[in-house]
C-alpha atoms as a PDB file:
ATOM      1  CA  UNK A   1    -225.972 -94.516  -4.209  1.00  0.00           C
ATOM      2  CA  UNK A   2    -226.191 -91.087  -2.636  1.00  0.00           C
ATOM      3  CA  UNK A   3    -222.894 -89.336  -1.078  1.00  0.00           C
ATOM      4  CA  UNK A   4    -223.238 -88.409   2.561  1.00  0.00           C
ATOM      5  CA  UNK A   5    -223.312 -84.640   3.447  1.00  0.00           C
ATOM      6  CA  UNK A   6    -220.139 -84.779   5.535  1.00  0.00           C
ATOM      7  CA  UNK A   7    -218.171 -86.256   2.516  1.00  0.00           C
ATOM      8  CA  UNK A   8    -219.084 -82.958   0.499  1.00  0.00           C
ATOM      9  CA  UNK A   9    -217.346 -81.041   3.116  1.00  0.00           C
ATOM     10  CA  UNK A  10    -214.250 -83.184   2.770  1.00  0.00           C
ATOM     11  CA  UNK A  11    -214.125 -83.343  -0.954  1.00  0.00           C
ATOM     12  CA  UNK A  12    -212.304 -79.889  -1.599  1.00  0.00           C
ATOM     13  CA  UNK A  13    -210.459 -80.150   1.893  1.00  0.00           C
ATOM     14  CA  UNK A  14    -206.558 -80.997   2.330  1.00  0.00           C
ATOM     15  CA  UNK A  15    -205.377 -82.228   5.463  1.00  0.00           C
ATOM     16  CA  UNK A  16    -202.366 -79.756   5.137  1.00  0.00           C
ATOM     17  CA  UNK A  17    -204.645 -76.790   5.022  1.00  0.00           C
ATOM     18  CA  UNK A  18    -206.873 -78.176   8.144  1.00  0.00           C
ATOM     19  CA  UNK A  19    -203.613 -78.736  10.140  1.00  0.00           C
ATOM     20  CA  UNK A  20    -202.365 -75.152   9.122  1.00  0.00           C
ATOM     21  CA  UNK A  21    -205.755 -73.830  10.196  1.00  0.00           C
ATOM     22  CA  UNK A  22    -205.657 -75.670  13.553  1.00  0.00           C
ATOM     23  CA  UNK A  23    -202.165 -74.576  14.146  1.00  0.00           C
ATOM     24  CA  UNK A  24    -203.109 -70.805  13.329  1.00  0.00           C
ATOM     25  CA  UNK A  25    -206.151 -71.154  15.662  1.00  0.00           C
ATOM     26  CA  UNK A  26    -203.853 -72.466  18.523  1.00  0.00           C
ATOM     27  CA  UNK A  27    -201.194 -69.683  18.198  1.00  0.00           C
ATOM     28  CA  UNK A  28    -203.886 -67.031  17.915  1.00  0.00           C
ATOM     29  CA  UNK A  29    -205.508 -68.532  21.007  1.00  0.00           C
ATOM     30  CA  UNK A  30    -202.140 -68.846  22.797  1.00  0.00           C
ATOM     31  CA  UNK A  31    -201.265 -65.075  22.126  1.00  0.00           C
ATOM     32  CA  UNK A  32    -204.636 -64.013  23.155  1.00  0.00           C
ATOM     33  CA  UNK A  33    -205.012 -65.961  26.388  1.00  0.00           C
ATOM     34  CA  UNK A  34    -201.302 -66.124  27.704  1.00  0.00           C
ATOM     35  CA  UNK A  35    -199.118 -63.573  26.213  1.00  0.00           C
ATOM     36  CA  UNK A  36    -201.355 -60.539  26.128  1.00  0.00           C
ATOM     37  CA  UNK A  37    -202.164 -60.817  29.708  1.00  0.00           C
ATOM     38  CA  UNK A  38    -198.600 -61.243  30.788  1.00  0.00           C
ATOM     39  CA  UNK A  39    -197.619 -58.307  28.787  1.00  0.00           C
ATOM     40  CA  UNK A  40    -200.655 -56.177  30.627  1.00  0.00           C
ATOM     41  CA  UNK A  41    -199.376 -57.812  34.013  1.00  0.00           C
ATOM     42  CA  UNK A  42    -195.812 -56.604  33.211  1.00  0.00           C
ATOM     43  CA  UNK A  43    -196.904 -53.260  32.590  1.00  0.00           C
ATOM     44  CA  UNK A  44    -199.020 -52.987  35.511  1.00  0.00           C
ATOM     45  CA  UNK A  45    -195.994 -53.973  37.795  1.00  0.00           C
ATOM     46  CA  UNK A  46    -193.510 -51.653  36.164  1.00  0.00           C
ATOM     47  CA  UNK A  47    -195.971 -48.706  36.618  1.00  0.00           C
ATOM     48  CA  UNK A  48    -196.564 -49.794  40.005  1.00  0.00           C
ATOM     49  CA  UNK A  49    -192.886 -50.125  41.024  1.00  0.00           C
ATOM     50  CA  UNK A  50    -192.064 -47.020  39.339  1.00  0.00           C
ATOM     51  CA  UNK A  51    -194.812 -45.186  41.264  1.00  0.00           C
ATOM     52  CA  UNK A  52    -193.476 -46.706  44.383  1.00  0.00           C
ATOM     53  CA  UNK A  53    -190.122 -45.321  43.823  1.00  0.00           C
ATOM     54  CA  UNK A  54    -191.475 -41.949  43.150  1.00  0.00           C
ATOM     55  CA  UNK A  55    -193.726 -42.112  46.374  1.00  0.00           C
ATOM     56  CA  UNK A  56    -190.771 -43.256  48.626  1.00  0.00           C
ATOM     57  CA  UNK A  57    -188.394 -40.509  47.156  1.00  0.00           C
ATOM     58  CA  UNK A  58    -191.115 -37.953  48.018  1.00  0.00           C
ATOM     59  CA  UNK A  59    -191.577 -39.126  51.227  1.00  0.00           C
ATOM     60  CA  UNK A  60    -188.106 -39.057  51.994  1.00  0.00           C
ATOM     61  CA  UNK A  61    -187.740 -35.507  50.776  1.00  0.00           C
ATOM     62  CA  UNK A  62    -190.727 -34.575  52.826  1.00  0.00           C
ATOM     63  CA  UNK A  63    -189.572 -35.929  55.911  1.00  0.00           C
ATOM     64  CA  UNK A  64    -186.003 -34.010  55.203  1.00  0.00           C
ATOM     65  CA  UNK A  65    -188.008 -30.887  54.859  1.00  0.00           C
ATOM     66  CA  UNK A  66    -190.119 -31.515  57.972  1.00  0.00           C
ATOM     67  CA  UNK A  67    -186.788 -32.120  60.013  1.00  0.00           C
ATOM     68  CA  UNK A  68    -185.295 -28.816  58.640  1.00  0.00           C
ATOM     69  CA  UNK A  69    -188.651 -26.962  59.441  1.00  0.00           C
ATOM     70  CA  UNK A  70    -188.752 -28.408  63.202  1.00  0.00           C
ATOM     71  CA  UNK A  71    -184.929 -27.318  63.461  1.00  0.00           C
ATOM     72  CA  UNK A  72    -185.625 -23.781  62.222  1.00  0.00           C
ATOM     73  CA  UNK A  73    -188.836 -23.168  64.120  1.00  0.00           C
ATOM     74  CA  UNK A  74    -187.645 -24.418  67.693  1.00  0.00           C
ATOM     75  CA  UNK A  75    -184.023 -23.167  68.114  1.00  0.00           C
ATOM     76  CA  UNK A  76    -184.314 -24.169  71.817  1.00  0.00           C
ATOM     77  CA  UNK A  77    -183.866 -27.756  70.446  1.00  0.00           C
ATOM     78  CA  UNK A  78    -180.283 -27.248  69.872  1.00  0.00           C
ATOM     79  CA  UNK A  79    -177.354 -28.436  71.970  1.00  0.00           C
ATOM     80  CA  UNK A  80    -178.243 -31.290  74.244  1.00  0.00           C
ATOM     81  CA  UNK A  81    -182.016 -31.625  72.800  1.00  0.00           C
ATOM     82  CA  UNK A  82    -180.849 -31.571  69.226  1.00  0.00           C
ATOM     83  CA  UNK A  83    -181.947 -35.379  69.085  1.00  0.00           C
ATOM     84  CA  UNK A  84    -185.753 -34.307  69.428  1.00  0.00           C
ATOM     85  CA  UNK A  85    -186.329 -33.107  65.801  1.00  0.00           C
ATOM     86  CA  UNK A  86    -184.872 -36.439  64.713  1.00  0.00           C
ATOM     87  CA  UNK A  87    -187.173 -38.400  66.905  1.00  0.00           C
ATOM     88  CA  UNK A  88    -190.220 -36.478  65.849  1.00  0.00           C
ATOM     89  CA  UNK A  89    -189.422 -37.172  62.218  1.00  0.00           C
ATOM     90  CA  UNK A  90    -188.819 -40.962  62.718  1.00  0.00           C
ATOM     91  CA  UNK A  91    -192.158 -41.189  64.725  1.00  0.00           C
ATOM     92  CA  UNK A  92    -193.999 -39.231  61.722  1.00  0.00           C
ATOM     93  CA  UNK A  93    -192.319 -41.676  59.134  1.00  0.00           C
ATOM     94  CA  UNK A  94    -193.228 -44.724  61.294  1.00  0.00           C
ATOM     95  CA  UNK A  95    -197.008 -43.356  61.468  1.00  0.00           C
ATOM     96  CA  UNK A  96    -197.032 -42.741  57.639  1.00  0.00           C
ATOM     97  CA  UNK A  97    -195.524 -46.097  57.005  1.00  0.00           C
ATOM     98  CA  UNK A  98    -198.166 -47.769  59.317  1.00  0.00           C
ATOM     99  CA  UNK A  99    -200.867 -45.842  57.561  1.00  0.00           C
ATOM    100  CA  UNK A 100    -199.640 -47.118  54.151  1.00  0.00           C
ATOM    101  CA  UNK A 101    -199.472 -50.556  55.430  1.00  0.00           C
ATOM    102  CA  UNK A 102    -202.917 -50.663  56.956  1.00  0.00           C
ATOM    103  CA  UNK A 103    -204.526 -49.084  53.739  1.00  0.00           C
ATOM    104  CA  UNK A 104    -202.644 -51.744  51.719  1.00  0.00           C
ATOM    105  CA  UNK A 105    -204.078 -54.599  53.952  1.00  0.00           C
ATOM    106  CA  UNK A 106    -207.392 -53.058  53.845  1.00  0.00           C
ATOM    107  CA  UNK A 107    -207.734 -52.738  50.240  1.00  0.00           C
ATOM    108  CA  UNK A 108    -206.664 -56.498  50.146  1.00  0.00           C
ATOM    109  CA  UNK A 109    -209.205 -57.577  52.644  1.00  0.00           C
ATOM    110  CA  UNK A 110    -212.008 -55.581  50.695  1.00  0.00           C
ATOM    111  CA  UNK A 111    -211.119 -57.070  47.193  1.00  0.00           C
ATOM    112  CA  UNK A 112    -211.132 -60.740  48.732  1.00  0.00           C
ATOM    113  CA  UNK A 113    -214.465 -60.154  50.439  1.00  0.00           C
ATOM    114  CA  UNK A 114    -215.804 -58.592  47.147  1.00  0.00           C
ATOM    115  CA  UNK A 115    -214.515 -61.648  45.298  1.00  0.00           C
ATOM    116  CA  UNK A 116    -216.454 -64.240  47.649  1.00  0.00           C
END
């Protein structure tokens, strides 16, 4: 009687070796499909947060510089009108913040439109 071809494959195989191969394949797949993307996401979030801190710090320093410039250029705004340079800087800060928010939402809308 002739031996079926599938039995030839199993003749030298052991169940322990097969289970080890399945486990190794599963672990490799798990690392490739979950762990690595999470590491990449963490790196993306870390650099984004660090960049946001630097941009915010630069914005505050820039607004303080604008305040000092307005105070130095317009000495007429001393005394009872000393609040005007501060008001100018607050309005400028709100405008810059609104532009940031507008650009963030415009990018999100564009990405969701492209995904459709």
